[in-house]
Amino acid sequence: MARAGSVTLPSLDRLAPAGSGRWGAARVRTAVPLVDPRAESAPESRVRVALALAGLTPVPQYEVRVAGEFLARVDLAFPEACVAVEYEGAHHFSDTQIVRDDARIRRLEAAGWRVIRLSAADLRDLDAVVRRVLEALDARP
């Protein structure tokens, strides 16, 4: 809703305290700071929120550039460590999309990026996803 413009971050900030005393209000107050309108899918948001709750701050929809030239846009990035997290939903496995995705990943890796590719199965264990990201971050110089 935030990405579509149906709700704005300032309006959420105002509404969250207004519900004090109502069922679920504490959850809303916890969730509002985690909203990011750059999210492009619910699974991507789930990963981003799990990382944020673990104290990490990925950049959503990050444009990777090499010598100023656009290389790729990744779902979540840790630019300082050259680590990207990509969620690949079902459409990534249809037609020739997987071939294009594989070529894009190879370009990123050739540019020095480590890419963590996730699917729906990975979302069953978000703690494991966080561990994978932490390991990738720790492995970077």
N, C-alpha and C. Protein backbone atom coordinates (compact mmCIF):
# COMPACT_ATOMS: atom_id res chain seq x y z
N MET A 1 0.82 -1.19 0.00
CA MET A 1 0.00 0.00 0.00
C MET A 1 0.87 1.26 0.00
N ALA A 2 1.99 1.20 0.71
CA ALA A 2 2.87 2.37 0.75
C ALA A 2 3.51 2.59 -0.62
N ARG A 3 3.88 1.51 -1.31
CA ARG A 3 4.48 1.65 -2.63
C ARG A 3 3.48 2.22 -3.62
N ALA A 4 2.24 1.78 -3.52
CA ALA A 4 1.19 2.24 -4.44
C ALA A 4 0.73 3.66 -4.11
N GLY A 5 1.12 4.17 -2.96
CA GLY A 5 0.72 5.53 -2.59
C GLY A 5 -0.63 5.59 -1.88
N SER A 6 -1.21 4.43 -1.58
CA SER A 6 -2.50 4.41 -0.89
C SER A 6 -2.37 4.93 0.54
N VAL A 7 -1.17 4.81 1.08
CA VAL A 7 -0.89 5.29 2.43
C VAL A 7 0.52 5.87 2.41
N THR A 8 0.74 6.89 3.19
CA THR A 8 2.07 7.50 3.25
C THR A 8 2.72 7.20 4.60
N LEU A 9 4.02 7.28 4.64
CA LEU A 9 4.72 7.04 5.89
C LEU A 9 4.33 8.06 6.97
N PRO A 10 4.21 9.35 6.63
CA PRO A 10 3.77 10.30 7.68
C PRO A 10 2.37 9.97 8.22
N SER A 11 1.47 9.52 7.34
CA SER A 11 0.12 9.19 7.84
C SER A 11 0.17 7.96 8.74
N LEU A 12 1.01 7.00 8.42
CA LEU A 12 1.17 5.83 9.30
C LEU A 12 1.75 6.26 10.64
N ASP A 13 2.72 7.15 10.60
CA ASP A 13 3.32 7.64 11.84
C ASP A 13 2.29 8.32 12.74
N ARG A 14 1.34 9.02 12.12
CA ARG A 14 0.29 9.69 12.90
C ARG A 14 -0.76 8.70 13.40
N LEU A 15 -1.09 7.70 12.59
CA LEU A 15 -2.14 6.75 12.95
C LEU A 15 -1.72 5.77 14.04
N ALA A 16 -0.46 5.36 14.03
CA ALA A 16 -0.01 4.33 14.97
C ALA A 16 -0.29 4.69 16.43
N PRO A 17 0.08 5.88 16.89
CA PRO A 17 -0.20 6.19 18.30
C PRO A 17 -1.69 6.42 18.57
N ALA A 18 -2.45 6.76 17.54
CA ALA A 18 -3.87 7.04 17.72
C ALA A 18 -4.65 5.80 18.14
N GLY A 19 -4.11 4.62 17.88
CA GLY A 19 -4.82 3.39 18.23
C GLY A 19 -4.52 2.85 19.60
N SER A 20 -3.81 3.60 20.41
CA SER A 20 -3.43 3.14 21.75
C SER A 20 -4.62 2.57 22.50
N GLY A 21 -4.40 1.42 23.12
CA GLY A 21 -5.46 0.77 23.89
C GLY A 21 -6.31 -0.18 23.08
N ARG A 22 -6.19 -0.15 21.77
CA ARG A 22 -6.97 -1.05 20.93
C ARG A 22 -6.19 -2.34 20.67
N TRP A 23 -6.94 -3.40 20.37
CA TRP A 23 -6.32 -4.69 20.07
C TRP A 23 -5.38 -4.54 18.88
N GLY A 24 -4.15 -5.00 19.02
CA GLY A 24 -3.19 -4.97 17.93
C GLY A 24 -2.40 -3.69 17.81
N ALA A 25 -2.71 -2.69 18.63
CA ALA A 25 -2.04 -1.38 18.51
C ALA A 25 -0.54 -1.49 18.74
N ALA A 26 -0.13 -2.32 19.67
CA ALA A 26 1.31 -2.47 19.94
C ALA A 26 2.02 -3.06 18.73
N ARG A 27 1.38 -4.00 18.07
CA ARG A 27 1.97 -4.59 16.85
C ARG A 27 2.09 -3.54 15.74
N VAL A 28 1.08 -2.72 15.63
CA VAL A 28 1.11 -1.67 14.61
C VAL A 28 2.27 -0.72 14.89
N ARG A 29 2.44 -0.32 16.14
CA ARG A 29 3.53 0.60 16.49
C ARG A 29 4.89 -0.05 16.20
N THR A 30 5.00 -1.35 16.34
CA THR A 30 6.24 -2.07 16.03
C THR A 30 6.45 -2.15 14.52
N ALA A 31 5.37 -2.35 13.78
CA ALA A 31 5.47 -2.57 12.34
C ALA A 31 5.71 -1.29 11.54
N VAL A 32 5.13 -0.18 11.98
CA VAL A 32 5.20 1.06 11.19
C VAL A 32 6.64 1.47 10.84
N PRO A 33 7.59 1.42 11.78
CA PRO A 33 8.95 1.82 11.41
C PRO A 33 9.61 0.88 10.40
N LEU A 34 9.03 -0.28 10.20
CA LEU A 34 9.59 -1.26 9.27
C LEU A 34 9.03 -1.12 7.85
N VAL A 35 8.04 -0.26 7.67
CA VAL A 35 7.43 -0.07 6.35
C VAL A 35 8.43 0.66 5.45
N ASP A 36 8.54 0.17 4.22
CA ASP A 36 9.41 0.82 3.23
C ASP A 36 8.70 0.79 1.89
N PRO A 37 8.35 1.95 1.34
CA PRO A 37 7.60 1.99 0.09
C PRO A 37 8.39 1.51 -1.14
N ARG A 38 9.68 1.27 -0.98
CA ARG A 38 10.47 0.77 -2.12
C ARG A 38 10.24 -0.72 -2.37
N ALA A 39 9.62 -1.41 -1.44
CA ALA A 39 9.39 -2.85 -1.58
C ALA A 39 8.54 -3.13 -2.82
N GLU A 40 8.92 -4.17 -3.53
CA GLU A 40 8.17 -4.53 -4.74
C GLU A 40 7.40 -5.83 -4.62
N SER A 41 7.58 -6.55 -3.53
CA SER A 41 6.81 -7.77 -3.34
C SER A 41 6.74 -8.10 -1.85
N ALA A 42 5.70 -8.84 -1.48
CA ALA A 42 5.54 -9.24 -0.08
C ALA A 42 6.69 -10.15 0.37
N PRO A 43 7.11 -11.14 -0.43
CA PRO A 43 8.22 -11.98 0.02
C PRO A 43 9.51 -11.17 0.22
N GLU A 44 9.78 -10.26 -0.66
CA GLU A 44 10.95 -9.39 -0.53
C GLU A 44 10.85 -8.60 0.78
N SER A 45 9.67 -8.11 1.10
CA SER A 45 9.47 -7.37 2.35
C SER A 45 9.70 -8.26 3.56
N ARG A 46 9.24 -9.50 3.49
CA ARG A 46 9.45 -10.42 4.61
C ARG A 46 10.94 -10.60 4.88
N VAL A 47 11.72 -10.75 3.81
CA VAL A 47 13.17 -10.91 3.96
C VAL A 47 13.77 -9.63 4.54
N ARG A 48 13.39 -8.49 4.00
CA ARG A 48 13.94 -7.21 4.47
C ARG A 48 13.63 -7.00 5.94
N VAL A 49 12.40 -7.29 6.35
CA VAL A 49 12.02 -7.09 7.74
C VAL A 49 12.79 -8.06 8.65
N ALA A 50 12.97 -9.30 8.23
CA ALA A 50 13.74 -10.26 9.03
C ALA A 50 15.17 -9.76 9.20
N LEU A 51 15.74 -9.21 8.14
CA LEU A 51 17.10 -8.67 8.22
C LEU A 51 17.13 -7.45 9.13
N ALA A 52 16.13 -6.58 9.02
CA ALA A 52 16.07 -5.37 9.86
C ALA A 52 15.93 -5.75 11.34
N LEU A 53 15.11 -6.74 11.63
CA LEU A 53 14.93 -7.17 13.02
C LEU A 53 16.21 -7.79 13.58
N ALA A 54 17.09 -8.26 12.69
CA ALA A 54 18.39 -8.80 13.10
C ALA A 54 19.45 -7.71 13.19
N GLY A 55 19.03 -6.46 12.98
CA GLY A 55 19.97 -5.35 13.10
C GLY A 55 20.67 -4.97 11.81
N LEU A 56 20.25 -5.52 10.68
CA LEU A 56 20.87 -5.23 9.40
C LEU A 56 20.02 -4.20 8.65
N THR A 57 20.66 -3.43 7.78
CA THR A 57 19.94 -2.40 7.04
C THR A 57 20.21 -2.51 5.54
N PRO A 58 19.53 -3.44 4.89
CA PRO A 58 19.70 -3.55 3.43
C PRO A 58 19.04 -2.38 2.72
N VAL A 59 19.53 -2.08 1.54
CA VAL A 59 18.96 -1.01 0.71
C VAL A 59 18.06 -1.68 -0.33
N PRO A 60 16.76 -1.42 -0.29
CA PRO A 60 15.86 -2.02 -1.28
C PRO A 60 16.04 -1.39 -2.66
N GLN A 61 15.87 -2.21 -3.68
CA GLN A 61 15.89 -1.78 -5.09
C GLN A 61 17.14 -0.96 -5.41
N TYR A 62 18.27 -1.52 -5.07
CA TYR A 62 19.54 -0.82 -5.24
C TYR A 62 20.07 -0.98 -6.67
N GLU A 63 20.48 0.12 -7.25
CA GLU A 63 21.07 0.09 -8.59
C GLU A 63 22.58 -0.06 -8.48
N VAL A 64 23.07 -1.19 -8.97
CA VAL A 64 24.50 -1.45 -8.98
C VAL A 64 25.09 -0.80 -10.22
N ARG A 65 26.10 0.03 -9.99
CA ARG A 65 26.78 0.72 -11.09
C ARG A 65 28.27 0.43 -11.00
N VAL A 66 28.87 0.23 -12.16
CA VAL A 66 30.31 0.03 -12.24
C VAL A 66 30.85 1.14 -13.12
N ALA A 67 31.76 1.92 -12.56
CA ALA A 67 32.31 3.08 -13.27
C ALA A 67 31.19 3.97 -13.80
N GLY A 68 30.13 4.12 -13.00
CA GLY A 68 29.02 4.98 -13.37
C GLY A 68 28.01 4.35 -14.31
N GLU A 69 28.31 3.17 -14.82
CA GLU A 69 27.42 2.51 -15.77
C GLU A 69 26.51 1.52 -15.05
N PHE A 70 25.20 1.59 -15.37
CA PHE A 70 24.22 0.69 -14.76
C PHE A 70 24.54 -0.76 -15.09
N LEU A 71 24.60 -1.59 -14.05
CA LEU A 71 24.84 -3.01 -14.23
C LEU A 71 23.57 -3.82 -13.94
N ALA A 72 22.92 -3.52 -12.82
CA ALA A 72 21.71 -4.27 -12.44
C ALA A 72 21.03 -3.55 -11.28
N ARG A 73 19.76 -3.88 -11.10
CA ARG A 73 19.04 -3.43 -9.92
C ARG A 73 18.73 -4.69 -9.12
N VAL A 74 19.10 -4.67 -7.85
CA VAL A 74 18.90 -5.85 -7.01
C VAL A 74 17.84 -5.56 -5.96
N ASP A 75 17.18 -6.61 -5.49
CA ASP A 75 16.09 -6.46 -4.53
C ASP A 75 16.57 -5.80 -3.24
N LEU A 76 17.62 -6.35 -2.67
CA LEU A 76 18.18 -5.84 -1.42
C LEU A 76 19.69 -5.83 -1.54
N ALA A 77 20.32 -4.78 -1.05
CA ALA A 77 21.78 -4.69 -1.18
C ALA A 77 22.42 -4.17 0.09
N PHE A 78 23.63 -4.61 0.26
CA PHE A 78 24.55 -4.07 1.25
C PHE A 78 25.72 -3.54 0.44
N PRO A 79 25.57 -2.33 -0.11
CA PRO A 79 26.54 -1.80 -1.08
C PRO A 79 27.98 -1.77 -0.58
N GLU A 80 28.16 -1.41 0.70
CA GLU A 80 29.52 -1.32 1.24
C GLU A 80 30.23 -2.67 1.25
N ALA A 81 29.48 -3.74 1.28
CA ALA A 81 30.05 -5.09 1.30
C ALA A 81 29.90 -5.80 -0.05
N CYS A 82 29.24 -5.15 -1.00
CA CYS A 82 28.97 -5.76 -2.32
C CYS A 82 28.25 -7.10 -2.17
N VAL A 83 27.20 -7.10 -1.35
CA VAL A 83 26.36 -8.28 -1.14
C VAL A 83 24.94 -7.92 -1.56
N ALA A 84 24.35 -8.77 -2.38
CA ALA A 84 22.98 -8.58 -2.84
C ALA A 84 22.13 -9.78 -2.45
N VAL A 85 20.86 -9.51 -2.16
CA VAL A 85 19.89 -10.56 -1.87
C VAL A 85 18.80 -10.44 -2.92
N GLU A 86 18.54 -11.53 -3.62
CA GLU A 86 17.53 -11.54 -4.67
C GLU A 86 16.47 -12.59 -4.34
N TYR A 87 15.21 -12.15 -4.27
CA TYR A 87 14.11 -13.10 -4.13
C TYR A 87 13.60 -13.43 -5.52
N GLU A 88 13.51 -14.71 -5.80
CA GLU A 88 13.08 -15.15 -7.12
C GLU A 88 11.78 -15.92 -7.01
N GLY A 89 10.70 -15.23 -7.34
CA GLY A 89 9.38 -15.85 -7.33
C GLY A 89 9.19 -16.75 -8.53
N ALA A 90 8.01 -17.30 -8.66
CA ALA A 90 7.72 -18.29 -9.71
C ALA A 90 8.00 -17.76 -11.11
N HIS A 91 7.75 -16.48 -11.36
CA HIS A 91 7.94 -15.95 -12.71
C HIS A 91 9.41 -15.99 -13.14
N HIS A 92 10.32 -16.07 -12.19
CA HIS A 92 11.74 -16.14 -12.54
C HIS A 92 12.11 -17.48 -13.18
N PHE A 93 11.22 -18.45 -13.08
CA PHE A 93 11.51 -19.78 -13.62
C PHE A 93 10.70 -20.08 -14.87
N SER A 94 10.03 -19.07 -15.41
CA SER A 94 9.22 -19.28 -16.60
C SER A 94 9.94 -18.78 -17.85
N ASP A 95 9.64 -19.40 -18.96
CA ASP A 95 10.19 -19.03 -20.26
C ASP A 95 11.70 -18.86 -20.20
N THR A 96 12.17 -17.73 -20.65
CA THR A 96 13.62 -17.50 -20.69
C THR A 96 14.08 -16.59 -19.55
N GLN A 97 13.20 -16.30 -18.60
CA GLN A 97 13.58 -15.40 -17.50
C GLN A 97 14.77 -15.93 -16.72
N ILE A 98 14.81 -17.23 -16.48
CA ILE A 98 15.91 -17.79 -15.70
C ILE A 98 17.25 -17.61 -16.41
N VAL A 99 17.23 -17.68 -17.73
CA VAL A 99 18.45 -17.46 -18.51
C VAL A 99 18.92 -16.02 -18.35
N ARG A 100 17.99 -15.08 -18.41
CA ARG A 100 18.34 -13.66 -18.22
C ARG A 100 18.82 -13.41 -16.79
N ASP A 101 18.14 -14.04 -15.82
CA ASP A 101 18.55 -13.88 -14.42
C ASP A 101 19.97 -14.43 -14.20
N ASP A 102 20.24 -15.61 -14.75
CA ASP A 102 21.57 -16.20 -14.59
C ASP A 102 22.65 -15.31 -15.19
N ALA A 103 22.39 -14.73 -16.33
CA ALA A 103 23.36 -13.83 -16.97
C ALA A 103 23.58 -12.58 -16.12
N ARG A 104 22.51 -12.06 -15.56
CA ARG A 104 22.62 -10.88 -14.69
C ARG A 104 23.42 -11.20 -13.44
N ILE A 105 23.18 -12.36 -12.85
CA ILE A 105 23.91 -12.77 -11.65
C ILE A 105 25.40 -12.93 -11.99
N ARG A 106 25.70 -13.52 -13.13
CA ARG A 106 27.11 -13.66 -13.54
C ARG A 106 27.78 -12.29 -13.70
N ARG A 107 27.06 -11.32 -14.25
CA ARG A 107 27.62 -9.96 -14.38
C ARG A 107 27.89 -9.35 -13.02
N LEU A 108 26.97 -9.53 -12.09
CA LEU A 108 27.16 -9.00 -10.74
C LEU A 108 28.37 -9.66 -10.08
N GLU A 109 28.46 -10.97 -10.18
CA GLU A 109 29.58 -11.69 -9.57
C GLU A 109 30.91 -11.29 -10.21
N ALA A 110 30.90 -11.08 -11.51
CA ALA A 110 32.12 -10.64 -12.19
C ALA A 110 32.54 -9.25 -11.71
N ALA A 111 31.58 -8.45 -11.26
CA ALA A 111 31.87 -7.11 -10.76
C ALA A 111 32.24 -7.14 -9.28
N GLY A 112 32.33 -8.33 -8.69
CA GLY A 112 32.75 -8.46 -7.30
C GLY A 112 31.63 -8.56 -6.28
N TRP A 113 30.40 -8.72 -6.75
CA TRP A 113 29.27 -8.84 -5.84
C TRP A 113 29.02 -10.30 -5.48
N ARG A 114 28.63 -10.53 -4.25
CA ARG A 114 28.16 -11.85 -3.82
C ARG A 114 26.64 -11.76 -3.82
N VAL A 115 25.99 -12.72 -4.49
CA VAL A 115 24.54 -12.68 -4.65
C VAL A 115 23.93 -13.89 -3.94
N ILE A 116 23.01 -13.62 -3.04
CA ILE A 116 22.27 -14.66 -2.34
C ILE A 116 20.90 -14.74 -3.00
N ARG A 117 20.64 -15.87 -3.63
CA ARG A 117 19.36 -16.06 -4.32
C ARG A 117 18.42 -16.84 -3.43
N LEU A 118 17.21 -16.32 -3.29
CA LEU A 118 16.21 -16.94 -2.43
C LEU A 118 14.97 -17.31 -3.23
N SER A 119 14.31 -18.38 -2.78
CA SER A 119 13.04 -18.78 -3.37
C SER A 119 12.02 -18.90 -2.24
N ALA A 120 10.81 -19.26 -2.59
CA ALA A 120 9.74 -19.39 -1.59
C ALA A 120 10.13 -20.39 -0.50
N ALA A 121 10.82 -21.45 -0.87
CA ALA A 121 11.23 -22.45 0.12
C ALA A 121 12.12 -21.84 1.20
N ASP A 122 12.96 -20.90 0.82
CA ASP A 122 13.85 -20.26 1.79
C ASP A 122 13.09 -19.45 2.83
N LEU A 123 11.92 -18.94 2.47
CA LEU A 123 11.15 -18.10 3.39
C LEU A 123 10.55 -18.89 4.54
N ARG A 124 10.59 -20.20 4.45
CA ARG A 124 10.08 -21.03 5.55
C ARG A 124 10.98 -20.94 6.77
N ASP A 125 12.24 -20.51 6.57
CA ASP A 125 13.18 -20.40 7.67
C ASP A 125 13.96 -19.08 7.53
N LEU A 126 13.34 -18.01 7.96
CA LEU A 126 13.96 -16.69 7.82
C LEU A 126 15.20 -16.55 8.69
N ASP A 127 15.27 -17.31 9.79
CA ASP A 127 16.49 -17.28 10.60
C ASP A 127 17.68 -17.79 9.79
N ALA A 128 17.45 -18.82 8.99
CA ALA A 128 18.51 -19.35 8.14
C ALA A 128 18.91 -18.34 7.07
N VAL A 129 17.93 -17.60 6.56
CA VAL A 129 18.22 -16.55 5.57
C VAL A 129 19.11 -15.48 6.21
N VAL A 130 18.76 -15.07 7.42
CA VAL A 130 19.57 -14.07 8.12
C VAL A 130 20.98 -14.59 8.33
N ARG A 131 21.12 -15.86 8.72
CA ARG A 131 22.46 -16.44 8.90
C ARG A 131 23.25 -16.42 7.60
N ARG A 132 22.60 -16.75 6.49
CA ARG A 132 23.29 -16.73 5.18
C ARG A 132 23.79 -15.33 4.86
N VAL A 133 22.96 -14.33 5.12
CA VAL A 133 23.36 -12.95 4.83
C VAL A 133 24.50 -12.54 5.76
N LEU A 134 24.40 -12.86 7.03
CA LEU A 134 25.48 -12.53 7.96
C LEU A 134 26.79 -13.18 7.55
N GLU A 135 26.72 -14.44 7.14
CA GLU A 135 27.93 -15.14 6.68
C GLU A 135 28.52 -14.45 5.46
N ALA A 136 27.68 -14.03 4.53
CA ALA A 136 28.17 -13.35 3.34
C ALA A 136 28.79 -12.01 3.70
N LEU A 137 28.18 -11.30 4.63
CA LEU A 137 28.74 -10.02 5.07
C LEU A 137 30.07 -10.20 5.80
N ASP A 138 30.14 -11.24 6.61
CA ASP A 138 31.38 -11.52 7.35
C ASP A 138 32.51 -11.96 6.42
N ALA A 139 32.15 -12.57 5.30
CA ALA A 139 33.15 -13.10 4.36
C ALA A 139 33.75 -12.00 3.48
N ARG A 140 33.12 -10.85 3.45
CA ARG A 140 33.61 -9.77 2.59
C ARG A 140 34.75 -9.03 3.27
N PRO A 141 35.75 -8.61 2.48
CA PRO A 141 36.88 -7.87 3.07
C PRO A 141 36.47 -6.51 3.60
